[in-house]
Amino acid sequence: MAITAKARPLAAGSSELQKIEALLGGSRILVRRLTSALDAHELLLHGLPASALDHLVGNLVVIGKNETLEKAVGMSLRTWQRRKDTPSKPLSQEQSGRAWKFAEILAKATDIFGTQAEAEQWLERPAVGLDQRRPIDLLGTPAGIELVEDHLDRLEYGVYA
């Protein structure tokens, strides 16, 4: 029986999960350790703690708090500021999913480019493989996210120079 290219060893998946978890503040902020994709699903279903998004955005090295970041994480800066008044209220499922996806893409780009700073710079630069669009600008829609993930896969496997 052949193994498809999409199949990943459990250890690699766990490592990816741990990187995403760390970007969102780790088990201290998430209140539990994520050991599987189902753990992540349950967490997102109930909503990430607002402090997870604070941690993610607060630890960005290159990307500034601007309209582009708002679109990528699915929340305006004004809404984010209002949420600080109710820190115990979890993010909505949609906001949680967008924050998770941004962290997932940032983690993967960090693996490919070597540092988080390089990954963030890549997100901010026009990419030839994305028709000269900046990857971060595409993170506002599911179709755009898919394009960025596909492009990262191609970079990882050396399809693009």
C-alpha atoms as a PDB file:
ATOM      1  CA  MET A   1       0.000   0.000   0.000  1.00  0.00           C
ATOM      2  CA  ALA A   2       1.490   3.342  -1.046  1.00  0.00           C
ATOM      3  CA  ILE A   3       1.706   6.322   1.277  1.00  0.00           C
ATOM      4  CA  THR A   4       0.432   9.541  -0.263  1.00  0.00           C
ATOM      5  CA  ALA A   5       2.469  12.726  -0.254  1.00  0.00           C
ATOM      6  CA  LYS A   6      -0.043  14.317   2.139  1.00  0.00           C
ATOM      7  CA  ALA A   7       0.557  11.702   4.861  1.00  0.00           C
ATOM      8  CA  ARG A   8       2.741  13.057   7.647  1.00  0.00           C
ATOM      9  CA  PRO A   9       4.366  11.201  10.501  1.00  0.00           C
ATOM     10  CA  LEU A  10       2.716  11.798  13.871  1.00  0.00           C
ATOM     11  CA  ALA A  11       5.893  13.328  15.249  1.00  0.00           C
ATOM     12  CA  ALA A  12       5.935  15.999  12.528  1.00  0.00           C
ATOM     13  CA  GLY A  13       2.277  16.830  13.170  1.00  0.00           C
ATOM     14  CA  SER A  14       2.902  17.050  16.910  1.00  0.00           C
ATOM     15  CA  SER A  15       5.866  19.331  16.301  1.00  0.00           C
ATOM     16  CA  GLU A  16       3.756  21.628  14.092  1.00  0.00           C
ATOM     17  CA  LEU A  17       1.050  21.677  16.747  1.00  0.00           C
ATOM     18  CA  GLN A  18       3.582  22.624  19.427  1.00  0.00           C
ATOM     19  CA  LYS A  19       4.901  25.490  17.286  1.00  0.00           C
ATOM     20  CA  ILE A  20       1.397  26.860  16.751  1.00  0.00           C
ATOM     21  CA  GLU A  21       0.639  26.408  20.450  1.00  0.00           C
ATOM     22  CA  ALA A  22       3.797  28.377  21.337  1.00  0.00           C
ATOM     23  CA  LEU A  23       2.865  31.240  18.986  1.00  0.00           C
ATOM     24  CA  LEU A  24      -0.496  31.446  20.772  1.00  0.00           C
ATOM     25  CA  GLY A  25       1.095  31.589  24.226  1.00  0.00           C
ATOM     26  CA  GLY A  26       1.537  27.930  25.075  1.00  0.00           C
ATOM     27  CA  SER A  27      -0.367  25.868  27.601  1.00  0.00           C
ATOM     28  CA  ARG A  28      -0.145  28.729  30.127  1.00  0.00           C
ATOM     29  CA  ILE A  29      -2.454  30.893  28.008  1.00  0.00           C
ATOM     30  CA  LEU A  30      -4.389  28.121  26.254  1.00  0.00           C
ATOM     31  CA  VAL A  31      -4.947  26.462  29.657  1.00  0.00           C
ATOM     32  CA  ARG A  32      -4.158  23.037  28.261  1.00  0.00           C
ATOM     33  CA  ARG A  33      -1.532  21.224  26.294  1.00  0.00           C
ATOM     34  CA  LEU A  34      -2.453  20.367  22.724  1.00  0.00           C
ATOM     35  CA  THR A  35      -1.508  16.803  21.827  1.00  0.00           C
ATOM     36  CA  SER A  36      -3.617  16.258  18.713  1.00  0.00           C
ATOM     37  CA  ALA A  37      -5.572  18.006  15.978  1.00  0.00           C
ATOM     38  CA  LEU A  38      -8.731  17.049  17.884  1.00  0.00           C
ATOM     39  CA  ASP A  39      -7.467  18.993  20.921  1.00  0.00           C
ATOM     40  CA  ALA A  40      -6.982  21.996  18.636  1.00  0.00           C
ATOM     41  CA  HIS A  41     -10.460  21.521  17.173  1.00  0.00           C
ATOM     42  CA  GLU A  42     -12.047  21.480  20.639  1.00  0.00           C
ATOM     43  CA  LEU A  43     -10.099  24.560  21.672  1.00  0.00           C
ATOM     44  CA  LEU A  44     -11.202  26.490  18.577  1.00  0.00           C
ATOM     45  CA  LEU A  45     -14.772  25.276  18.945  1.00  0.00           C
ATOM     46  CA  HIS A  46     -14.976  26.869  22.396  1.00  0.00           C
ATOM     47  CA  GLY A  47     -12.943  29.920  21.369  1.00  0.00           C
ATOM     48  CA  LEU A  48      -9.329  30.839  21.963  1.00  0.00           C
ATOM     49  CA  PRO A  49      -8.673  32.999  25.002  1.00  0.00           C
ATOM     50  CA  ALA A  50      -8.358  36.623  23.880  1.00  0.00           C
ATOM     51  CA  SER A  51      -4.904  36.645  25.484  1.00  0.00           C
ATOM     52  CA  ALA A  52      -3.769  34.072  22.866  1.00  0.00           C
ATOM     53  CA  LEU A  53      -4.312  36.646  20.100  1.00  0.00           C
ATOM     54  CA  ASP A  54      -2.619  39.289  22.276  1.00  0.00           C
ATOM     55  CA  HIS A  55       0.379  36.983  22.649  1.00  0.00           C
ATOM     56  CA  LEU A  56       0.527  36.193  18.920  1.00  0.00           C
ATOM     57  CA  VAL A  57       0.345  39.820  17.815  1.00  0.00           C
ATOM     58  CA  GLY A  58       2.537  41.076  20.662  1.00  0.00           C
ATOM     59  CA  ASN A  59       5.355  38.763  19.616  1.00  0.00           C
ATOM     60  CA  LEU A  60       5.419  39.705  15.936  1.00  0.00           C
ATOM     61  CA  VAL A  61       8.885  40.940  14.984  1.00  0.00           C
ATOM     62  CA  VAL A  62       8.336  42.678  11.622  1.00  0.00           C
ATOM     63  CA  ILE A  63       4.600  42.866  10.944  1.00  0.00           C
ATOM     64  CA  GLY A  64       2.995  45.947  12.460  1.00  0.00           C
ATOM     65  CA  LYS A  65      -0.466  46.366  13.920  1.00  0.00           C
ATOM     66  CA  ASN A  66      -2.175  47.698  10.825  1.00  0.00           C
ATOM     67  CA  GLU A  67      -5.064  47.081   8.455  1.00  0.00           C
ATOM     68  CA  THR A  68      -3.218  44.221   6.760  1.00  0.00           C
ATOM     69  CA  LEU A  69      -2.830  42.380  10.054  1.00  0.00           C
ATOM     70  CA  GLU A  70      -6.494  43.079  10.838  1.00  0.00           C
ATOM     71  CA  LYS A  71      -7.560  41.289   7.672  1.00  0.00           C
ATOM     72  CA  ALA A  72      -5.182  38.386   8.309  1.00  0.00           C
ATOM     73  CA  VAL A  73      -6.498  37.702  11.823  1.00  0.00           C
ATOM     74  CA  GLY A  74     -10.082  38.736  11.102  1.00  0.00           C
ATOM     75  CA  MET A  75     -10.400  41.434  13.739  1.00  0.00           C
ATOM     76  CA  SER A  76     -10.077  45.208  13.582  1.00  0.00           C
ATOM     77  CA  LEU A  77      -7.716  46.950  15.974  1.00  0.00           C
ATOM     78  CA  ARG A  78     -10.701  48.749  17.501  1.00  0.00           C
ATOM     79  CA  THR A  79     -12.477  45.450  18.198  1.00  0.00           C
ATOM     80  CA  TRP A  80      -9.242  44.064  19.598  1.00  0.00           C
ATOM     81  CA  GLN A  81      -8.924  47.070  21.927  1.00  0.00           C
ATOM     82  CA  ARG A  82     -12.545  46.661  23.077  1.00  0.00           C
ATOM     83  CA  ARG A  83     -11.886  42.982  23.802  1.00  0.00           C
ATOM     84  CA  LYS A  84      -9.172  43.998  26.252  1.00  0.00           C
ATOM     85  CA  ASP A  85     -12.002  45.287  28.487  1.00  0.00           C
ATOM     86  CA  THR A  86     -13.352  41.714  28.701  1.00  0.00           C
ATOM     87  CA  PRO A  87     -10.211  39.534  28.752  1.00  0.00           C
ATOM     88  CA  SER A  88     -12.038  36.473  30.079  1.00  0.00           C
ATOM     89  CA  LYS A  89     -14.432  36.376  27.107  1.00  0.00           C
ATOM     90  CA  PRO A  90     -13.115  33.932  24.500  1.00  0.00           C
ATOM     91  CA  LEU A  91     -12.792  34.818  20.832  1.00  0.00           C
ATOM     92  CA  SER A  92     -15.578  33.681  18.521  1.00  0.00           C
ATOM     93  CA  GLN A  93     -15.102  30.489  16.521  1.00  0.00           C
ATOM     94  CA  GLU A  94     -14.390  32.537  13.397  1.00  0.00           C
ATOM     95  CA  GLN A  95     -11.883  34.813  15.153  1.00  0.00           C
ATOM     96  CA  SER A  96     -10.265  31.778  16.782  1.00  0.00           C
ATOM     97  CA  GLY A  97      -9.990  29.992  13.453  1.00  0.00           C
ATOM     98  CA  ARG A  98      -8.434  32.999  11.758  1.00  0.00           C
ATOM     99  CA  ALA A  99      -5.919  33.536  14.567  1.00  0.00           C
ATOM    100  CA  TRP A 100      -5.063  29.812  14.497  1.00  0.00           C
ATOM    101  CA  LYS A 101      -4.599  29.809  10.717  1.00  0.00           C
ATOM    102  CA  PHE A 102      -2.358  32.882  10.881  1.00  0.00           C
ATOM    103  CA  ALA A 103      -0.241  31.178  13.572  1.00  0.00           C
ATOM    104  CA  GLU A 104      -0.149  27.976  11.503  1.00  0.00           C
ATOM    105  CA  ILE A 105       1.068  29.797   8.391  1.00  0.00           C
ATOM    106  CA  LEU A 106       3.603  31.803  10.403  1.00  0.00           C
ATOM    107  CA  ALA A 107       4.937  28.589  11.986  1.00  0.00           C
ATOM    108  CA  LYS A 108       5.296  26.888   8.617  1.00  0.00           C
ATOM    109  CA  ALA A 109       6.952  29.935   7.038  1.00  0.00           C
ATOM    110  CA  THR A 110       9.336  30.133  10.021  1.00  0.00           C
ATOM    111  CA  ASP A 111      10.349  26.509   9.434  1.00  0.00           C
ATOM    112  CA  ILE A 112      10.988  27.214   5.750  1.00  0.00           C
ATOM    113  CA  PHE A 113      12.809  30.538   6.120  1.00  0.00           C
ATOM    114  CA  GLY A 114      14.670  29.760   9.348  1.00  0.00           C
ATOM    115  CA  THR A 115      13.537  32.612  11.605  1.00  0.00           C
ATOM    116  CA  GLN A 116      10.274  34.262  12.498  1.00  0.00           C
ATOM    117  CA  ALA A 117      11.631  37.616  11.304  1.00  0.00           C
ATOM    118  CA  GLU A 118      12.407  36.148   7.862  1.00  0.00           C
ATOM    119  CA  ALA A 119       8.973  34.504   7.754  1.00  0.00           C
ATOM    120  CA  GLU A 120       7.245  37.788   8.573  1.00  0.00           C
ATOM    121  CA  GLN A 121       9.309  39.605   5.952  1.00  0.00           C
ATOM    122  CA  TRP A 122       8.242  36.972   3.402  1.00  0.00           C
ATOM    123  CA  LEU A 123       4.593  37.517   4.355  1.00  0.00           C
ATOM    124  CA  GLU A 124       5.032  41.249   3.712  1.00  0.00           C
ATOM    125  CA  ARG A 125       6.847  41.009   0.339  1.00  0.00           C
ATOM    126  CA  PRO A 126       5.245  40.491  -3.083  1.00  0.00           C
ATOM    127  CA  ALA A 127       5.761  36.888  -4.196  1.00  0.00           C
ATOM    128  CA  VAL A 128       6.386  35.858  -7.800  1.00  0.00           C
ATOM    129  CA  GLY A 129       4.440  32.627  -7.277  1.00  0.00           C
ATOM    130  CA  LEU A 130       1.447  34.630  -6.039  1.00  0.00           C
ATOM    131  CA  ASP A 131       1.281  36.979  -9.035  1.00  0.00           C
ATOM    132  CA  GLN A 132       3.289  39.636  -7.157  1.00  0.00           C
ATOM    133  CA  ARG A 133       0.778  39.735  -4.306  1.00  0.00           C
ATOM    134  CA  ARG A 134       1.909  39.884  -0.699  1.00  0.00           C
ATOM    135  CA  PRO A 135       1.032  36.632   1.103  1.00  0.00           C
ATOM    136  CA  ILE A 136      -0.358  38.509   4.110  1.00  0.00           C
ATOM    137  CA  ASP A 137      -2.868  40.283   1.857  1.00  0.00           C
ATOM    138  CA  LEU A 138      -4.292  36.918   0.772  1.00  0.00           C
ATOM    139  CA  LEU A 139      -5.000  35.677   4.320  1.00  0.00           C
ATOM    140  CA  GLY A 140      -8.388  37.407   4.473  1.00  0.00           C
ATOM    141  CA  THR A 141     -10.228  34.673   2.526  1.00  0.00           C
ATOM    142  CA  PRO A 142     -10.216  30.855   2.542  1.00  0.00           C
ATOM    143  CA  ALA A 143      -9.180  30.836  -1.140  1.00  0.00           C
ATOM    144  CA  GLY A 144      -6.287  33.191  -0.424  1.00  0.00           C
ATOM    145  CA  ILE A 145      -5.179  31.107   2.553  1.00  0.00           C
ATOM    146  CA  GLU A 146      -5.137  28.043   0.309  1.00  0.00           C
ATOM    147  CA  LEU A 147      -2.984  29.892  -2.235  1.00  0.00           C
ATOM    148  CA  VAL A 148      -0.481  30.894   0.463  1.00  0.00           C
ATOM    149  CA  GLU A 149      -0.351  27.365   1.896  1.00  0.00           C
ATOM    150  CA  ASP A 150       0.174  25.903  -1.563  1.00  0.00           C
ATOM    151  CA  HIS A 151       2.928  28.425  -2.262  1.00  0.00           C
ATOM    152  CA  LEU A 152       4.642  27.543   1.045  1.00  0.00           C
ATOM    153  CA  ASP A 153       4.448  23.841   0.124  1.00  0.00           C
ATOM    154  CA  ARG A 154       6.086  24.628  -3.217  1.00  0.00           C
ATOM    155  CA  LEU A 155       8.825  26.628  -1.511  1.00  0.00           C
ATOM    156  CA  GLU A 156       9.385  23.837   0.991  1.00  0.00           C
ATOM    157  CA  TYR A 157       9.880  21.303  -1.786  1.00  0.00           C
ATOM    158  CA  GLY A 158      11.977  23.618  -3.955  1.00  0.00           C
ATOM    159  CA  VAL A 159       9.481  24.150  -6.762  1.00  0.00           C
ATOM    160  CA  TYR A 160      10.120  27.930  -6.671  1.00  0.00           C
ATOM    161  CA  ALA A 161      13.557  29.461  -6.411  1.00  0.00           C
END
